[in-house]
Amino acid sequence: MQRGDGTSLSGGGLLESSHGRTTIADTVVAKIAGIATREVNGVHGLGGSASRALGVLRERIPGGSTNLSQGISVEVGERQAAIDVDIVAEYGVSIPELAKGIRRNVIAAIEQMTGLEVIEVNVSVHDVYIPSDDDEEEPTSAGSRVQ
């Protein structure tokens, strides 16, 4: 793909010009997609239950950090990329509208930052977050209910 600045895009996100070339790793595309997904209102978290559990443990380890590409899978070809996003949605949001917003944000970010054409963004909703899920319920004894 020839661009207006005399550069071209080829091989796996490889940007070429007369002055050299730039290679974009799959992990970079995945990280961009992860950040773009987290920016969308209504996304509570990324990944299925197992990857989210590992992510929580990783964050609690001193010096540990958030894995920005958690819940993201990418395939990068010569000029195109396909993205799979696994999310947990906030309760009450329209899931079709949420998926549309994720697609719009991910496509815009990847195409702007890498020059790759995003051919698809598949969104899988693994769970719905309900704020009461985090509340610790206090056990009630029979004595406190009956007087």
C-alpha atoms as a PDB file:
ATOM      1  CA  MET A   1       0.000   0.000   0.000  1.00  0.00           C
ATOM      2  CA  GLN A   2       1.626   3.261  -1.107  1.00  0.00           C
ATOM      3  CA  ARG A   3       1.040   6.193   1.200  1.00  0.00           C
ATOM      4  CA  GLY A   4       1.086   9.924   0.486  1.00  0.00           C
ATOM      5  CA  ASP A   5       4.419  10.421   2.275  1.00  0.00           C
ATOM      6  CA  GLY A   6       6.292   8.025  -0.021  1.00  0.00           C
ATOM      7  CA  THR A   7       6.220   5.142   2.446  1.00  0.00           C
ATOM      8  CA  SER A   8       4.534   1.809   1.911  1.00  0.00           C
ATOM      9  CA  LEU A   9       3.036  -0.791   4.169  1.00  0.00           C
ATOM     10  CA  SER A  10       3.960  -4.426   3.652  1.00  0.00           C
ATOM     11  CA  GLY A  11       4.757  -7.685   5.507  1.00  0.00           C
ATOM     12  CA  GLY A  12       3.181  -7.977   8.987  1.00  0.00           C
ATOM     13  CA  GLY A  13       2.979  -4.283   9.749  1.00  0.00           C
ATOM     14  CA  LEU A  14       6.291  -3.519   8.081  1.00  0.00           C
ATOM     15  CA  LEU A  15       6.448   0.161   7.146  1.00  0.00           C
ATOM     16  CA  GLU A  16       9.033   0.818   4.432  1.00  0.00           C
ATOM     17  CA  SER A  17      10.511   3.993   2.986  1.00  0.00           C
ATOM     18  CA  SER A  18      13.679   4.906   1.144  1.00  0.00           C
ATOM     19  CA  HIS A  19      15.260   5.607   4.567  1.00  0.00           C
ATOM     20  CA  GLY A  20      14.536   2.228   6.155  1.00  0.00           C
ATOM     21  CA  ARG A  21      11.705   0.169   7.553  1.00  0.00           C
ATOM     22  CA  THR A  22       9.685  -0.144  10.718  1.00  0.00           C
ATOM     23  CA  THR A  23       8.346  -3.469  11.981  1.00  0.00           C
ATOM     24  CA  ILE A  24       5.300  -3.583  14.265  1.00  0.00           C
ATOM     25  CA  ALA A  25       5.077  -6.652  16.523  1.00  0.00           C
ATOM     26  CA  ASP A  26       1.807  -8.481  17.180  1.00  0.00           C
ATOM     27  CA  THR A  27       2.152  -7.610  20.869  1.00  0.00           C
ATOM     28  CA  VAL A  28       2.111  -3.904  19.997  1.00  0.00           C
ATOM     29  CA  VAL A  29      -1.145  -4.308  18.056  1.00  0.00           C
ATOM     30  CA  ALA A  30      -2.628  -6.311  20.961  1.00  0.00           C
ATOM     31  CA  LYS A  31      -1.625  -3.656  23.498  1.00  0.00           C
ATOM     32  CA  ILE A  32      -3.142  -0.863  21.379  1.00  0.00           C
ATOM     33  CA  ALA A  33      -6.368  -2.883  21.074  1.00  0.00           C
ATOM     34  CA  GLY A  34      -6.434  -3.516  24.840  1.00  0.00           C
ATOM     35  CA  ILE A  35      -6.016   0.153  25.710  1.00  0.00           C
ATOM     36  CA  ALA A  36      -8.608   1.208  23.110  1.00  0.00           C
ATOM     37  CA  THR A  37     -11.085  -1.343  24.487  1.00  0.00           C
ATOM     38  CA  ARG A  38     -10.616  -0.193  28.098  1.00  0.00           C
ATOM     39  CA  GLU A  39     -11.398   3.402  27.004  1.00  0.00           C
ATOM     40  CA  VAL A  40     -14.975   2.443  26.046  1.00  0.00           C
ATOM     41  CA  ASN A  41     -17.626   3.174  28.689  1.00  0.00           C
ATOM     42  CA  GLY A  42     -19.383  -0.009  29.755  1.00  0.00           C
ATOM     43  CA  VAL A  43     -16.307  -2.263  29.652  1.00  0.00           C
ATOM     44  CA  HIS A  44     -15.650  -3.517  33.176  1.00  0.00           C
ATOM     45  CA  GLY A  45     -12.687  -5.761  32.366  1.00  0.00           C
ATOM     46  CA  LEU A  46     -10.940  -7.802  29.707  1.00  0.00           C
ATOM     47  CA  GLY A  47     -10.502 -11.548  29.429  1.00  0.00           C
ATOM     48  CA  GLY A  48     -12.337 -14.676  30.491  1.00  0.00           C
ATOM     49  CA  SER A  49     -12.565 -15.678  34.140  1.00  0.00           C
ATOM     50  CA  ALA A  50      -9.220 -17.549  34.212  1.00  0.00           C
ATOM     51  CA  SER A  51      -7.202 -14.744  32.631  1.00  0.00           C
ATOM     52  CA  ARG A  52      -8.907 -12.137  34.849  1.00  0.00           C
ATOM     53  CA  ALA A  53      -8.025 -14.181  37.963  1.00  0.00           C
ATOM     54  CA  LEU A  54      -4.384 -14.355  36.881  1.00  0.00           C
ATOM     55  CA  GLY A  55      -4.445 -10.638  36.139  1.00  0.00           C
ATOM     56  CA  VAL A  56      -5.670  -9.845  39.651  1.00  0.00           C
ATOM     57  CA  LEU A  57      -2.874 -11.960  41.144  1.00  0.00           C
ATOM     58  CA  ARG A  58      -0.282 -10.297  38.895  1.00  0.00           C
ATOM     59  CA  GLU A  59      -1.412  -6.829  39.995  1.00  0.00           C
ATOM     60  CA  ARG A  60      -1.132  -7.749  43.705  1.00  0.00           C
ATOM     61  CA  ILE A  61       2.484  -8.865  43.418  1.00  0.00           C
ATOM     62  CA  PRO A  62       4.838  -6.011  44.363  1.00  0.00           C
ATOM     63  CA  GLY A  63       6.207  -4.556  41.142  1.00  0.00           C
ATOM     64  CA  GLY A  64       3.483  -6.303  39.134  1.00  0.00           C
ATOM     65  CA  SER A  65       1.509  -4.353  36.580  1.00  0.00           C
ATOM     66  CA  THR A  66      -1.650  -4.610  34.513  1.00  0.00           C
ATOM     67  CA  ASN A  67      -1.317  -6.716  31.372  1.00  0.00           C
ATOM     68  CA  LEU A  68      -2.689  -4.267  28.798  1.00  0.00           C
ATOM     69  CA  SER A  69      -3.201  -6.990  26.189  1.00  0.00           C
ATOM     70  CA  GLN A  70      -5.095  -9.363  28.509  1.00  0.00           C
ATOM     71  CA  GLY A  71      -8.221 -10.633  26.770  1.00  0.00           C
ATOM     72  CA  ILE A  72      -6.940  -9.620  23.321  1.00  0.00           C
ATOM     73  CA  SER A  73      -5.866 -11.934  20.494  1.00  0.00           C
ATOM     74  CA  VAL A  74      -4.545 -10.616  17.189  1.00  0.00           C
ATOM     75  CA  GLU A  75      -3.597 -11.942  13.796  1.00  0.00           C
ATOM     76  CA  VAL A  76      -1.398  -9.601  11.805  1.00  0.00           C
ATOM     77  CA  GLY A  77      -0.918 -10.185   8.103  1.00  0.00           C
ATOM     78  CA  GLU A  78       0.931  -8.284   5.414  1.00  0.00           C
ATOM     79  CA  ARG A  79      -1.389  -5.286   5.409  1.00  0.00           C
ATOM     80  CA  GLN A  80      -4.272  -6.270   7.639  1.00  0.00           C
ATOM     81  CA  ALA A  81      -5.081  -7.217  11.207  1.00  0.00           C
ATOM     82  CA  ALA A  82      -7.911  -9.207  12.804  1.00  0.00           C
ATOM     83  CA  ILE A  83      -8.672  -8.691  16.478  1.00  0.00           C
ATOM     84  CA  ASP A  84     -10.542 -10.833  19.042  1.00  0.00           C
ATOM     85  CA  VAL A  85     -11.615  -9.081  22.246  1.00  0.00           C
ATOM     86  CA  ASP A  86     -12.913 -10.894  25.365  1.00  0.00           C
ATOM     87  CA  ILE A  87     -14.707  -8.592  27.800  1.00  0.00           C
ATOM     88  CA  VAL A  88     -16.833  -8.328  30.917  1.00  0.00           C
ATOM     89  CA  ALA A  89     -19.612  -5.770  30.391  1.00  0.00           C
ATOM     90  CA  GLU A  90     -21.065  -3.455  33.022  1.00  0.00           C
ATOM     91  CA  TYR A  91     -24.627  -4.395  33.961  1.00  0.00           C
ATOM     92  CA  GLY A  92     -27.217  -2.178  32.287  1.00  0.00           C
ATOM     93  CA  VAL A  93     -25.329  -1.256  29.115  1.00  0.00           C
ATOM     94  CA  SER A  94     -26.603  -2.229  25.692  1.00  0.00           C
ATOM     95  CA  ILE A  95     -24.255  -5.025  24.644  1.00  0.00           C
ATOM     96  CA  PRO A  96     -24.752  -4.429  20.881  1.00  0.00           C
ATOM     97  CA  GLU A  97     -23.958  -0.710  21.364  1.00  0.00           C
ATOM     98  CA  LEU A  98     -20.987  -1.600  23.569  1.00  0.00           C
ATOM     99  CA  ALA A  99     -19.618  -3.941  20.892  1.00  0.00           C
ATOM    100  CA  LYS A 100     -20.104  -1.233  18.252  1.00  0.00           C
ATOM    101  CA  GLY A 101     -18.188   1.266  20.406  1.00  0.00           C
ATOM    102  CA  ILE A 102     -15.362  -1.220  21.011  1.00  0.00           C
ATOM    103  CA  ARG A 103     -15.074  -1.939  17.279  1.00  0.00           C
ATOM    104  CA  ARG A 104     -15.046   1.761  16.405  1.00  0.00           C
ATOM    105  CA  ASN A 105     -12.400   2.609  19.026  1.00  0.00           C
ATOM    106  CA  VAL A 106     -10.131  -0.385  18.306  1.00  0.00           C
ATOM    107  CA  ILE A 107     -10.245   0.111  14.525  1.00  0.00           C
ATOM    108  CA  ALA A 108      -9.508   3.844  14.805  1.00  0.00           C
ATOM    109  CA  ALA A 109      -6.590   3.349  17.218  1.00  0.00           C
ATOM    110  CA  ILE A 110      -4.903   0.514  15.315  1.00  0.00           C
ATOM    111  CA  GLU A 111      -5.329   2.048  11.871  1.00  0.00           C
ATOM    112  CA  GLN A 112      -4.115   5.461  13.061  1.00  0.00           C
ATOM    113  CA  MET A 113      -1.131   4.171  15.051  1.00  0.00           C
ATOM    114  CA  THR A 114       0.049   1.327  12.800  1.00  0.00           C
ATOM    115  CA  GLY A 115      -1.337   1.935   9.319  1.00  0.00           C
ATOM    116  CA  LEU A 116      -2.711  -1.622   9.234  1.00  0.00           C
ATOM    117  CA  GLU A 117      -6.224  -2.139   7.883  1.00  0.00           C
ATOM    118  CA  VAL A 118      -8.380  -3.785  10.544  1.00  0.00           C
ATOM    119  CA  ILE A 119     -10.621  -6.283   8.758  1.00  0.00           C
ATOM    120  CA  GLU A 120     -12.557  -7.497  11.804  1.00  0.00           C
ATOM    121  CA  VAL A 121     -12.960  -6.995  15.522  1.00  0.00           C
ATOM    122  CA  ASN A 122     -14.773  -9.916  17.158  1.00  0.00           C
ATOM    123  CA  VAL A 123     -16.176  -9.131  20.598  1.00  0.00           C
ATOM    124  CA  SER A 124     -16.998 -11.939  23.068  1.00  0.00           C
ATOM    125  CA  VAL A 125     -18.849 -10.992  26.235  1.00  0.00           C
ATOM    126  CA  HIS A 126     -17.895 -13.516  28.934  1.00  0.00           C
ATOM    127  CA  ASP A 127     -19.734 -12.020  31.878  1.00  0.00           C
ATOM    128  CA  VAL A 128     -21.762  -9.081  33.155  1.00  0.00           C
ATOM    129  CA  TYR A 129     -20.400  -7.179  36.143  1.00  0.00           C
ATOM    130  CA  ILE A 130     -22.918  -6.331  38.840  1.00  0.00           C
ATOM    131  CA  PRO A 131     -21.615  -3.938  41.538  1.00  0.00           C
ATOM    132  CA  SER A 132     -23.096  -6.120  44.282  1.00  0.00           C
ATOM    133  CA  ASP A 133     -20.750  -8.926  43.131  1.00  0.00           C
ATOM    134  CA  ASP A 134     -17.942  -7.129  44.978  1.00  0.00           C
ATOM    135  CA  ASP A 135     -19.885  -6.471  48.178  1.00  0.00           C
ATOM    136  CA  GLU A 136     -19.081  -8.861  50.956  1.00  0.00           C
ATOM    137  CA  GLU A 137     -22.333 -10.144  52.300  1.00  0.00           C
ATOM    138  CA  GLU A 138     -22.401 -10.558  56.033  1.00  0.00           C
ATOM    139  CA  PRO A 139     -23.771 -13.913  57.077  1.00  0.00           C
ATOM    140  CA  THR A 140     -27.013 -13.679  58.957  1.00  0.00           C
ATOM    141  CA  SER A 141     -27.815 -16.035  61.776  1.00  0.00           C
ATOM    142  CA  ALA A 142     -31.291 -17.325  62.536  1.00  0.00           C
ATOM    143  CA  GLY A 143     -31.201 -15.441  65.830  1.00  0.00           C
ATOM    144  CA  SER A 144     -30.886 -12.038  64.178  1.00  0.00           C
ATOM    145  CA  ARG A 145     -33.815 -12.656  61.835  1.00  0.00           C
ATOM    146  CA  VAL A 146     -36.262 -13.955  64.400  1.00  0.00           C
ATOM    147  CA  GLN A 147     -37.006 -12.171  67.639  1.00  0.00           C
END
